[in-house]
N, C-alpha and C. Protein backbone atom coordinates (compact mmCIF):
# COMPACT_ATOMS: atom_id res chain seq x y z
N MET A 1 45.69 55.89 90.35
CA MET A 1 46.73 55.52 91.31
C MET A 1 46.46 56.21 92.62
N ALA A 2 46.64 55.47 93.72
CA ALA A 2 46.36 56.03 95.03
C ALA A 2 47.37 57.09 95.39
N PRO A 3 46.92 58.11 96.17
CA PRO A 3 47.89 59.15 96.59
C PRO A 3 49.03 58.54 97.38
N GLY A 4 50.22 58.98 97.10
CA GLY A 4 51.39 58.50 97.82
C GLY A 4 52.00 57.24 97.23
N ALA A 5 51.36 56.66 96.24
CA ALA A 5 51.93 55.45 95.63
C ALA A 5 53.14 55.82 94.77
N ILE A 6 54.04 54.88 94.62
CA ILE A 6 55.26 55.11 93.87
C ILE A 6 55.17 54.41 92.53
N ASP A 7 55.48 55.14 91.50
CA ASP A 7 55.45 54.57 90.16
C ASP A 7 56.81 53.95 89.87
N PHE A 8 57.00 52.68 90.17
CA PHE A 8 58.30 52.02 89.99
C PHE A 8 58.75 52.00 88.53
N PRO A 9 57.85 51.75 87.60
CA PRO A 9 58.30 51.78 86.20
C PRO A 9 58.87 53.13 85.79
N ALA A 10 58.26 54.22 86.30
CA ALA A 10 58.78 55.56 85.95
C ALA A 10 60.17 55.77 86.51
N ILE A 11 60.41 55.34 87.77
CA ILE A 11 61.74 55.49 88.38
C ILE A 11 62.77 54.69 87.62
N SER A 12 62.38 53.44 87.25
CA SER A 12 63.34 52.61 86.52
C SER A 12 63.66 53.21 85.17
N ARG A 13 62.66 53.84 84.54
CA ARG A 13 62.93 54.47 83.25
C ARG A 13 63.91 55.63 83.41
N ARG A 14 63.70 56.44 84.48
CA ARG A 14 64.63 57.57 84.70
C ARG A 14 66.05 57.07 84.95
N ARG A 15 66.17 56.00 85.73
CA ARG A 15 67.51 55.45 85.99
C ARG A 15 68.14 54.90 84.72
N ARG A 16 67.27 54.30 83.88
CA ARG A 16 67.80 53.68 82.67
C ARG A 16 68.35 54.73 81.71
N PHE A 17 67.63 55.88 81.65
CA PHE A 17 68.08 56.92 80.72
C PHE A 17 69.07 57.91 81.35
N ALA A 18 69.24 57.84 82.68
CA ALA A 18 70.13 58.80 83.34
C ALA A 18 71.58 58.61 82.93
N ARG A 19 71.92 57.33 82.61
CA ARG A 19 73.31 57.09 82.23
C ARG A 19 73.69 57.77 80.92
N PHE A 20 72.68 58.03 80.08
CA PHE A 20 72.97 58.72 78.82
C PHE A 20 73.14 60.22 79.00
N TYR A 21 72.62 60.76 80.13
CA TYR A 21 72.67 62.19 80.38
C TYR A 21 73.58 62.52 81.56
N ARG A 22 74.41 61.56 81.94
CA ARG A 22 75.30 61.79 83.07
C ARG A 22 76.35 62.83 82.69
N ARG A 23 76.60 63.75 83.62
CA ARG A 23 77.59 64.80 83.35
C ARG A 23 78.98 64.20 83.27
N PRO A 24 79.78 64.68 82.36
CA PRO A 24 81.16 64.18 82.30
C PRO A 24 81.92 64.54 83.56
N GLU A 25 82.88 63.71 83.89
CA GLU A 25 83.65 63.91 85.12
C GLU A 25 84.42 65.22 85.05
N GLY A 26 84.34 65.99 86.14
CA GLY A 26 85.05 67.26 86.18
C GLY A 26 84.24 68.43 85.68
N SER A 27 82.94 68.22 85.42
CA SER A 27 82.12 69.32 84.89
C SER A 27 81.49 70.14 85.99
N GLY A 28 81.53 69.66 87.27
CA GLY A 28 80.94 70.40 88.36
C GLY A 28 81.79 71.57 88.78
N ARG A 29 81.20 72.44 89.62
CA ARG A 29 81.94 73.61 90.08
C ARG A 29 83.14 73.23 90.91
N GLY A 30 82.94 72.21 91.77
CA GLY A 30 84.07 71.79 92.61
C GLY A 30 85.21 71.25 91.78
N ASP A 31 84.86 70.46 90.75
CA ASP A 31 85.91 69.93 89.88
C ASP A 31 86.58 71.03 89.08
N ALA A 32 85.81 72.03 88.68
CA ALA A 32 86.40 73.16 87.95
C ALA A 32 87.38 73.91 88.83
N ALA A 33 87.02 74.08 90.11
CA ALA A 33 87.92 74.77 91.03
C ALA A 33 89.21 73.97 91.22
N LYS A 34 89.05 72.63 91.34
CA LYS A 34 90.24 71.79 91.49
C LYS A 34 91.13 71.89 90.26
N ARG A 35 90.47 71.86 89.09
CA ARG A 35 91.26 71.95 87.87
C ARG A 35 91.98 73.28 87.77
N ALA A 36 91.31 74.36 88.19
CA ALA A 36 91.94 75.69 88.17
C ALA A 36 93.13 75.73 89.13
N GLN A 37 92.97 75.10 90.30
CA GLN A 37 94.08 75.06 91.25
C GLN A 37 95.27 74.30 90.69
N GLN A 38 94.96 73.17 90.01
CA GLN A 38 96.04 72.39 89.41
C GLN A 38 96.76 73.19 88.34
N GLU A 39 95.97 73.93 87.52
CA GLU A 39 96.60 74.75 86.48
C GLU A 39 97.44 75.86 87.10
N ASP A 40 96.91 76.48 88.17
CA ASP A 40 97.68 77.53 88.84
C ASP A 40 98.95 76.96 89.43
N GLY A 41 98.84 75.75 90.01
CA GLY A 41 100.02 75.13 90.59
C GLY A 41 101.07 74.81 89.54
N SER A 42 100.61 74.30 88.39
CA SER A 42 101.57 73.99 87.33
C SER A 42 102.19 75.25 86.77
N ALA A 43 101.38 76.33 86.64
CA ALA A 43 101.92 77.60 86.15
C ALA A 43 102.94 78.16 87.13
N GLU A 44 102.61 78.05 88.42
CA GLU A 44 103.55 78.56 89.44
C GLU A 44 104.84 77.75 89.44
N ALA A 45 104.71 76.43 89.27
CA ALA A 45 105.91 75.59 89.21
C ALA A 45 106.75 75.94 88.00
N ALA A 46 106.08 76.17 86.86
CA ALA A 46 106.82 76.55 85.65
C ALA A 46 107.52 77.88 85.84
N SER A 47 106.80 78.85 86.48
CA SER A 47 107.41 80.16 86.73
C SER A 47 108.60 80.03 87.66
N THR A 48 108.45 79.20 88.70
CA THR A 48 109.55 79.02 89.64
C THR A 48 110.75 78.39 88.97
N SER A 49 110.50 77.37 88.14
CA SER A 49 111.62 76.72 87.46
C SER A 49 112.29 77.68 86.48
N TRP A 50 111.48 78.52 85.79
CA TRP A 50 112.07 79.51 84.89
C TRP A 50 112.93 80.50 85.66
N LEU A 51 112.43 80.95 86.83
CA LEU A 51 113.19 81.88 87.66
C LEU A 51 114.47 81.24 88.16
N ALA A 52 114.39 79.97 88.54
CA ALA A 52 115.58 79.29 89.03
C ALA A 52 116.61 79.14 87.93
N ARG A 53 116.16 78.81 86.71
CA ARG A 53 117.10 78.66 85.60
C ARG A 53 117.78 79.99 85.28
N ASN A 54 116.99 81.06 85.23
CA ASN A 54 117.58 82.35 84.90
C ASN A 54 118.45 82.89 86.02
N ARG A 55 118.06 82.61 87.26
CA ARG A 55 118.91 83.03 88.38
C ARG A 55 120.26 82.33 88.31
N ALA A 56 120.25 81.04 87.99
CA ALA A 56 121.50 80.32 87.85
C ALA A 56 122.31 80.84 86.67
N LEU A 57 121.57 81.23 85.60
CA LEU A 57 122.26 81.73 84.41
C LEU A 57 122.95 83.05 84.66
N TRP A 58 122.27 83.95 85.42
CA TRP A 58 122.79 85.29 85.63
C TRP A 58 123.50 85.46 86.97
N SER A 59 123.64 84.39 87.74
CA SER A 59 124.26 84.53 89.05
C SER A 59 125.69 85.04 88.93
N ARG A 60 126.37 84.63 87.88
CA ARG A 60 127.76 85.07 87.70
C ARG A 60 127.83 86.58 87.49
N ALA A 61 126.81 87.12 86.82
CA ALA A 61 126.80 88.56 86.56
C ALA A 61 126.32 89.35 87.76
N LEU A 62 125.40 88.78 88.54
CA LEU A 62 124.84 89.50 89.68
C LEU A 62 125.68 89.35 90.93
N GLU A 63 126.57 88.37 90.95
CA GLU A 63 127.30 88.07 92.17
C GLU A 63 128.19 89.22 92.65
N PRO A 64 128.84 89.98 91.73
CA PRO A 64 129.68 91.07 92.24
C PRO A 64 128.93 92.19 92.93
N ILE A 65 127.62 92.29 92.71
CA ILE A 65 126.85 93.34 93.36
C ILE A 65 126.61 92.94 94.80
N ARG A 66 127.27 93.59 95.75
CA ARG A 66 127.23 93.19 97.14
C ARG A 66 126.85 94.37 98.02
N PRO A 67 126.29 94.10 99.19
CA PRO A 67 126.01 95.19 100.13
C PRO A 67 127.28 95.92 100.54
N PHE A 68 127.13 97.17 100.93
CA PHE A 68 128.29 97.97 101.30
C PHE A 68 129.07 97.35 102.46
N ASP A 69 128.34 96.77 103.41
CA ASP A 69 129.01 96.24 104.60
C ASP A 69 129.40 94.78 104.46
N ALA A 70 129.24 94.18 103.28
CA ALA A 70 129.65 92.80 103.09
C ALA A 70 131.17 92.69 103.23
N PRO A 71 131.68 91.58 103.73
CA PRO A 71 133.13 91.44 103.88
C PRO A 71 133.84 91.38 102.53
N ARG A 72 135.15 91.30 102.60
CA ARG A 72 135.95 91.25 101.38
C ARG A 72 135.45 90.11 100.49
N ALA A 73 135.35 90.39 99.19
CA ALA A 73 134.85 89.40 98.25
C ALA A 73 135.78 89.30 97.06
N CYS A 74 135.91 88.10 96.55
CA CYS A 74 136.68 87.85 95.33
C CYS A 74 135.85 86.89 94.49
N VAL A 75 134.96 87.44 93.68
CA VAL A 75 134.02 86.63 92.92
C VAL A 75 134.74 85.76 91.91
N THR A 76 135.66 86.35 91.19
CA THR A 76 136.50 85.62 90.24
C THR A 76 137.95 86.00 90.53
N PRO A 77 138.90 85.30 89.93
CA PRO A 77 140.30 85.68 90.14
C PRO A 77 140.61 87.11 89.70
N TRP A 78 139.73 87.72 88.91
CA TRP A 78 139.99 89.07 88.40
C TRP A 78 138.99 90.08 88.94
N ASP A 79 138.35 89.77 90.05
CA ASP A 79 137.44 90.70 90.73
C ASP A 79 137.79 90.74 92.21
N ALA A 80 137.74 91.92 92.79
CA ALA A 80 137.98 92.07 94.23
C ALA A 80 137.16 93.24 94.74
N SER A 81 136.69 93.13 95.98
CA SER A 81 135.81 94.16 96.54
C SER A 81 136.00 94.20 98.05
N TRP A 82 136.00 95.43 98.60
CA TRP A 82 136.20 95.62 100.04
C TRP A 82 135.27 96.71 100.57
N PRO A 83 134.76 96.56 101.78
CA PRO A 83 134.03 97.66 102.42
C PRO A 83 135.03 98.65 103.00
N LEU A 84 134.64 99.92 103.03
CA LEU A 84 135.48 100.98 103.60
C LEU A 84 134.67 101.72 104.66
N SER A 85 135.22 101.89 105.81
CA SER A 85 134.55 102.62 106.88
C SER A 85 134.74 104.12 106.69
N ARG A 86 133.91 104.91 107.34
CA ARG A 86 134.00 106.36 107.23
C ARG A 86 135.02 106.87 108.26
N GLU A 87 136.27 106.66 107.93
CA GLU A 87 137.36 107.12 108.77
C GLU A 87 138.41 107.80 107.90
N LEU A 88 139.18 108.67 108.51
CA LEU A 88 140.21 109.36 107.75
C LEU A 88 141.28 108.41 107.23
N THR A 89 141.41 107.27 107.88
CA THR A 89 142.42 106.30 107.45
C THR A 89 141.95 105.43 106.29
N SER A 90 140.70 105.60 105.84
CA SER A 90 140.19 104.74 104.77
C SER A 90 140.89 105.00 103.45
N ALA A 91 141.30 106.24 103.19
CA ALA A 91 142.02 106.53 101.95
C ALA A 91 143.36 105.80 101.94
N ARG A 92 144.05 105.80 103.07
CA ARG A 92 145.32 105.09 103.15
C ARG A 92 145.11 103.59 103.01
N ARG A 93 144.04 103.07 103.64
CA ARG A 93 143.75 101.64 103.52
C ARG A 93 143.42 101.28 102.07
N ALA A 94 142.68 102.15 101.38
CA ALA A 94 142.36 101.89 99.98
C ALA A 94 143.62 101.83 99.12
N ARG A 95 144.58 102.70 99.40
CA ARG A 95 145.84 102.67 98.64
C ARG A 95 146.58 101.35 98.86
N ARG A 96 146.61 100.89 100.11
CA ARG A 96 147.30 99.62 100.40
C ARG A 96 146.59 98.44 99.71
N LEU A 97 145.25 98.46 99.73
CA LEU A 97 144.51 97.37 99.10
C LEU A 97 144.75 97.33 97.59
N VAL A 98 144.76 98.51 96.97
CA VAL A 98 145.00 98.57 95.52
C VAL A 98 146.40 98.07 95.19
N THR A 99 147.39 98.52 95.93
CA THR A 99 148.76 98.10 95.66
C THR A 99 148.93 96.60 95.81
N ALA A 100 148.38 96.05 96.89
CA ALA A 100 148.51 94.61 97.13
C ALA A 100 147.79 93.79 96.06
N GLN A 101 146.60 94.25 95.66
CA GLN A 101 145.84 93.49 94.66
C GLN A 101 146.49 93.54 93.29
N LEU A 102 146.98 94.70 92.90
CA LEU A 102 147.66 94.80 91.60
C LEU A 102 148.95 94.01 91.60
N ASP A 103 149.62 93.93 92.73
CA ASP A 103 150.81 93.09 92.82
C ASP A 103 150.44 91.62 92.64
N GLU A 104 149.29 91.22 93.21
CA GLU A 104 148.83 89.84 93.05
C GLU A 104 148.45 89.54 91.61
N TRP A 105 147.95 90.53 90.90
CA TRP A 105 147.58 90.36 89.50
C TRP A 105 148.75 90.62 88.55
N SER A 106 149.94 90.85 89.08
CA SER A 106 151.13 91.15 88.27
C SER A 106 150.93 92.40 87.42
N LEU A 107 150.29 93.41 88.02
CA LEU A 107 150.08 94.70 87.37
C LEU A 107 150.74 95.81 88.19
N GLU A 108 151.95 95.54 88.65
CA GLU A 108 152.64 96.51 89.52
C GLU A 108 152.88 97.84 88.83
N ASP A 109 153.00 97.84 87.50
CA ASP A 109 153.26 99.09 86.78
C ASP A 109 152.11 100.10 86.92
N LEU A 110 150.93 99.59 87.22
CA LEU A 110 149.78 100.49 87.35
C LEU A 110 149.54 100.95 88.78
N ALA A 111 150.32 100.43 89.71
CA ALA A 111 150.02 100.64 91.13
C ALA A 111 150.07 102.11 91.52
N ASP A 112 151.12 102.83 91.11
CA ASP A 112 151.28 104.22 91.54
C ASP A 112 150.11 105.09 91.08
N THR A 113 149.76 104.98 89.81
CA THR A 113 148.67 105.79 89.27
C THR A 113 147.33 105.36 89.85
N ALA A 114 147.11 104.07 89.93
CA ALA A 114 145.82 103.56 90.42
C ALA A 114 145.59 103.95 91.87
N GLU A 115 146.61 103.82 92.69
CA GLU A 115 146.41 104.14 94.11
C GLU A 115 146.21 105.64 94.31
N LEU A 116 146.84 106.47 93.48
CA LEU A 116 146.63 107.91 93.57
C LEU A 116 145.18 108.27 93.23
N LEU A 117 144.67 107.70 92.14
CA LEU A 117 143.31 108.03 91.71
C LEU A 117 142.27 107.45 92.67
N VAL A 118 142.51 106.23 93.15
CA VAL A 118 141.58 105.65 94.13
C VAL A 118 141.57 106.47 95.41
N SER A 119 142.74 106.93 95.82
CA SER A 119 142.81 107.77 97.02
C SER A 119 141.99 109.05 96.83
N GLU A 120 142.04 109.64 95.63
CA GLU A 120 141.25 110.85 95.36
C GLU A 120 139.75 110.55 95.42
N LEU A 121 139.34 109.42 94.86
CA LEU A 121 137.92 109.08 94.88
C LEU A 121 137.42 108.81 96.30
N VAL A 122 138.22 108.09 97.07
CA VAL A 122 137.81 107.78 98.44
C VAL A 122 137.77 109.05 99.28
N THR A 123 138.77 109.91 99.14
CA THR A 123 138.80 111.16 99.89
C THR A 123 137.60 112.04 99.53
N ASN A 124 137.29 112.11 98.24
CA ASN A 124 136.14 112.90 97.80
C ASN A 124 134.84 112.34 98.38
N ALA A 125 134.72 111.00 98.41
CA ALA A 125 133.52 110.38 98.98
C ALA A 125 133.42 110.65 100.48
N LEU A 126 134.53 110.61 101.17
CA LEU A 126 134.52 110.88 102.61
C LEU A 126 134.11 112.33 102.90
N CYS A 127 134.49 113.24 102.03
CA CYS A 127 134.22 114.65 102.27
C CYS A 127 132.81 115.06 101.86
N HIS A 128 132.25 114.43 100.84
CA HIS A 128 131.01 114.93 100.25
C HIS A 128 129.84 113.96 100.32
N THR A 129 129.99 112.83 100.95
CA THR A 129 128.89 111.87 101.04
C THR A 129 128.73 111.40 102.48
N ARG A 130 127.66 110.69 102.71
CA ARG A 130 127.41 110.07 103.99
C ARG A 130 127.20 108.57 103.79
N GLY A 131 127.33 107.82 104.86
CA GLY A 131 127.08 106.39 104.77
C GLY A 131 128.32 105.62 104.39
N PRO A 132 128.18 104.31 104.24
CA PRO A 132 129.33 103.44 103.97
C PRO A 132 129.84 103.59 102.54
N LEU A 133 131.03 103.08 102.33
CA LEU A 133 131.69 103.10 101.02
C LEU A 133 132.13 101.69 100.67
N ARG A 134 132.40 101.49 99.39
CA ARG A 134 132.92 100.20 98.95
C ARG A 134 133.86 100.40 97.77
N LEU A 135 134.97 99.68 97.81
CA LEU A 135 135.99 99.75 96.77
C LEU A 135 135.95 98.46 95.96
N ASN A 136 135.90 98.61 94.64
CA ASN A 136 135.88 97.45 93.73
C ASN A 136 136.99 97.59 92.71
N LEU A 137 137.66 96.49 92.44
CA LEU A 137 138.67 96.41 91.39
C LEU A 137 138.35 95.20 90.52
N CYS A 138 138.51 95.35 89.22
CA CYS A 138 138.36 94.20 88.35
C CYS A 138 139.14 94.44 87.06
N VAL A 139 139.55 93.35 86.45
CA VAL A 139 140.26 93.39 85.18
C VAL A 139 139.36 92.74 84.14
N ARG A 140 139.09 93.47 83.06
CA ARG A 140 138.29 92.97 81.96
C ARG A 140 139.08 93.13 80.67
N GLY A 141 139.60 92.01 80.19
CA GLY A 141 140.41 92.08 78.98
C GLY A 141 141.70 92.85 79.24
N ASP A 142 141.88 93.94 78.52
CA ASP A 142 143.08 94.77 78.69
C ASP A 142 142.76 96.05 79.44
N ARG A 143 141.73 96.03 80.31
CA ARG A 143 141.34 97.21 81.06
C ARG A 143 141.25 96.89 82.54
N LEU A 144 141.76 97.83 83.35
CA LEU A 144 141.59 97.77 84.79
C LEU A 144 140.50 98.77 85.17
N LEU A 145 139.47 98.28 85.85
CA LEU A 145 138.35 99.12 86.28
C LEU A 145 138.40 99.27 87.79
N CYS A 146 138.41 100.52 88.26
CA CYS A 146 138.40 100.82 89.69
C CYS A 146 137.10 101.59 89.99
N GLU A 147 136.41 101.18 91.05
CA GLU A 147 135.15 101.80 91.43
C GLU A 147 135.13 102.11 92.92
N VAL A 148 134.50 103.22 93.26
CA VAL A 148 134.22 103.57 94.65
C VAL A 148 132.73 103.86 94.74
N GLU A 149 132.01 103.02 95.48
CA GLU A 149 130.56 103.17 95.63
C GLU A 149 130.24 103.96 96.89
N ASP A 150 129.19 104.77 96.82
CA ASP A 150 128.71 105.49 98.00
C ASP A 150 127.19 105.57 97.93
N THR A 151 126.59 106.16 98.94
CA THR A 151 125.13 106.23 99.03
C THR A 151 124.57 107.60 98.68
N GLU A 152 125.36 108.45 98.06
CA GLU A 152 124.91 109.79 97.68
C GLU A 152 124.60 109.80 96.19
N PRO A 153 123.35 110.07 95.79
CA PRO A 153 123.01 110.00 94.37
C PRO A 153 123.55 111.16 93.53
N SER A 154 123.84 112.29 94.15
CA SER A 154 124.29 113.45 93.37
C SER A 154 125.69 113.22 92.84
N ARG A 155 125.89 113.62 91.60
CA ARG A 155 127.18 113.41 90.95
C ARG A 155 128.12 114.58 91.23
N PRO A 156 129.41 114.34 91.12
CA PRO A 156 130.37 115.42 91.40
C PRO A 156 130.31 116.51 90.34
N VAL A 157 130.61 117.71 90.76
CA VAL A 157 130.65 118.85 89.86
C VAL A 157 132.11 119.17 89.55
N ARG A 158 132.42 119.22 88.28
CA ARG A 158 133.81 119.48 87.89
C ARG A 158 134.09 120.97 87.97
N ARG A 159 135.09 121.34 88.76
CA ARG A 159 135.48 122.75 88.92
C ARG A 159 136.97 122.90 88.63
N GLU A 160 137.34 124.09 88.24
CA GLU A 160 138.75 124.41 88.03
C GLU A 160 139.32 124.95 89.34
N ALA A 161 140.31 124.24 89.86
CA ALA A 161 140.90 124.64 91.14
C ALA A 161 141.88 125.79 90.93
N ASP A 162 141.94 126.69 91.91
CA ASP A 162 142.91 127.79 91.85
C ASP A 162 144.33 127.24 92.03
N ALA A 163 145.27 128.05 91.63
CA ALA A 163 146.66 127.60 91.71
C ALA A 163 147.09 127.34 93.15
N ASP A 164 146.56 128.11 94.12
CA ASP A 164 146.96 127.94 95.51
C ASP A 164 145.95 127.11 96.32
N ALA A 165 144.99 126.46 95.65
CA ALA A 165 143.99 125.65 96.36
C ALA A 165 144.62 124.36 96.85
N GLU A 166 144.21 123.94 98.05
CA GLU A 166 144.75 122.71 98.62
C GLU A 166 144.06 121.47 98.10
N GLY A 167 142.87 121.60 97.55
CA GLY A 167 142.14 120.45 97.03
C GLY A 167 141.35 120.82 95.80
N GLY A 168 140.46 119.91 95.39
CA GLY A 168 139.63 120.19 94.23
C GLY A 168 140.24 119.80 92.91
N ARG A 169 141.34 119.01 92.95
CA ARG A 169 141.98 118.60 91.70
C ARG A 169 141.74 117.14 91.36
N GLY A 170 140.81 116.51 92.07
CA GLY A 170 140.55 115.09 91.82
C GLY A 170 140.09 114.82 90.40
N THR A 171 139.14 115.61 89.90
CA THR A 171 138.64 115.39 88.55
C THR A 171 139.71 115.72 87.50
N GLU A 172 140.58 116.70 87.80
CA GLU A 172 141.67 117.01 86.86
C GLU A 172 142.64 115.85 86.77
N LEU A 173 142.96 115.24 87.91
CA LEU A 173 143.84 114.08 87.89
C LEU A 173 143.21 112.92 87.13
N LEU A 174 141.91 112.71 87.32
CA LEU A 174 141.24 111.64 86.59
C LEU A 174 141.32 111.88 85.08
N GLY A 175 141.09 113.13 84.68
CA GLY A 175 141.16 113.44 83.26
C GLY A 175 142.55 113.27 82.68
N LEU A 176 143.58 113.52 83.50
CA LEU A 176 144.96 113.44 83.01
C LEU A 176 145.51 112.02 83.02
N LEU A 177 145.20 111.26 84.06
CA LEU A 177 145.87 109.98 84.26
C LEU A 177 145.03 108.77 83.87
N ALA A 178 143.70 108.90 83.87
CA ALA A 178 142.85 107.75 83.53
C ALA A 178 142.49 107.79 82.05
N GLU A 179 142.31 106.61 81.48
CA GLU A 179 141.90 106.56 80.08
C GLU A 179 140.46 107.04 79.94
N SER A 180 139.62 106.69 80.90
CA SER A 180 138.24 107.17 80.93
C SER A 180 137.77 107.12 82.37
N TRP A 181 136.79 107.96 82.69
CA TRP A 181 136.25 107.99 84.05
C TRP A 181 134.85 108.58 84.01
N GLY A 182 134.12 108.39 85.09
CA GLY A 182 132.78 108.92 85.15
C GLY A 182 132.06 108.47 86.41
N SER A 183 130.76 108.67 86.44
CA SER A 183 129.93 108.26 87.58
C SER A 183 128.68 107.59 87.04
N THR A 184 128.19 106.62 87.77
CA THR A 184 127.02 105.85 87.39
C THR A 184 126.04 105.81 88.54
N CYS A 185 124.78 106.14 88.28
CA CYS A 185 123.76 106.05 89.32
C CYS A 185 123.43 104.59 89.60
N THR A 186 123.22 104.26 90.85
CA THR A 186 122.86 102.91 91.28
C THR A 186 121.63 102.98 92.17
N PRO A 187 120.97 101.85 92.43
CA PRO A 187 119.80 101.87 93.32
C PRO A 187 120.12 102.35 94.73
N THR A 188 121.39 102.26 95.13
CA THR A 188 121.77 102.67 96.48
C THR A 188 122.54 103.98 96.52
N GLY A 189 122.77 104.61 95.39
CA GLY A 189 123.53 105.86 95.37
C GLY A 189 124.21 106.06 94.03
N LYS A 190 125.53 106.04 94.02
CA LYS A 190 126.27 106.18 92.77
C LYS A 190 127.60 105.46 92.89
N THR A 191 128.24 105.30 91.75
CA THR A 191 129.56 104.69 91.67
C THR A 191 130.47 105.60 90.87
N MET A 192 131.56 106.01 91.46
CA MET A 192 132.61 106.74 90.74
C MET A 192 133.63 105.72 90.24
N TRP A 193 134.01 105.84 88.99
CA TRP A 193 134.88 104.83 88.40
C TRP A 193 135.89 105.46 87.45
N PHE A 194 136.95 104.71 87.20
CA PHE A 194 137.90 105.07 86.14
C PHE A 194 138.51 103.80 85.57
N GLU A 195 138.98 103.90 84.34
CA GLU A 195 139.59 102.76 83.65
C GLU A 195 141.01 103.12 83.23
N MET A 196 141.86 102.09 83.24
CA MET A 196 143.23 102.24 82.79
C MET A 196 143.60 101.04 81.92
N PRO A 197 144.41 101.23 80.88
CA PRO A 197 144.86 100.06 80.10
C PRO A 197 145.87 99.26 80.91
N THR A 198 145.77 97.96 80.82
CA THR A 198 146.71 97.10 81.54
C THR A 198 148.01 96.87 80.77
N GLN A 199 148.05 97.28 79.51
CA GLN A 199 149.24 97.12 78.69
C GLN A 199 149.66 98.48 78.16
N THR A 200 150.92 98.72 78.13
CA THR A 200 151.45 99.98 77.62
C THR A 200 151.34 99.99 76.11
N PRO A 201 150.68 101.00 75.51
CA PRO A 201 150.56 101.05 74.05
C PRO A 201 151.93 101.07 73.39
N SER A 202 152.05 100.34 72.30
CA SER A 202 153.33 100.30 71.59
C SER A 202 153.51 101.59 70.80
């Protein structure tokens, strides 16, 4: 065969047998990358839908958690929350808010004790913490829960006040008048709380 001549039978044979050795569709690198992107997209969509479902499921539980400076909130008929400014009048405002809310919930019998204890918590927060405050009230079953949130992570130290001391009896009042009380650490500081029964024991 002369140099440069083309062997047509050989080419036709290669074409004839090439169909038997053709790569399956999607076996190339580009197709593999596309398939990986599609899988990543479907996984991301599944993750997003799972997150959306769980967010909707837990929104009722997460909704009461609000920023300190958020306006007054009433998540459910038995939840209420207010921001408190760092002013000397905030303790008085907290007492008025507690009295009005308990009156709305037909729990007037608890107003005197609740407003006294809330006033102690707010006053203590004003004296020993910095930053904004928030007051939360909620009724769960036969319990009234009162909370005062602040941005100071350190918990209060219980001390015995002297007979002639002007202050320092907040924890004693909580122990005497509340059914239970304590403090809980939060991502933004802590929450001082106390509970009272909404019904008088028989």
